[in-house]
Amino acid sequence: MLCDEPRFSDEQQDTLINLALIIEVLSDSTKDYDRGGKFEQYRTINSFIEYLLVAQDRPHVEHHTRQSDGSWLVQETNNLADTIQMKSAPCSLSLSNIYSKVDFSASA
């Protein structure tokens, strides 16, 4: 999700610098980097206030939100009946919708 018109870090226009929300689907090979170094880089973006990490092999979502003091609050859920209230947009996401077409038996 963008704040205002897209702004890029350079002429290549491949790195946005005014994002409010980033959603990542985690994989075994990238999940540590997504939670660590990549998230650290994202936090340098002033407009960035919300980060969702979605597991692909089980119902599990990590919802990171920037607080007014600059700290980050993380809330996790693995309950398909739960709903995540977004901060960057006036909407909510239910885990049942996020995982509506996912067959977890194939990953077991």
Foldseek 3Di string as FASTA:
>chain_A
DFDPDFDAPDPVRPHTQGDAEDEEEDDPVCPVCVVPVVVVVNLVRPNHFWYWYAYQQAQKIWIWGQDPVRDIDIDMDRDQQDWAQDDVDRDIHGSCVVCVPHDNVVND
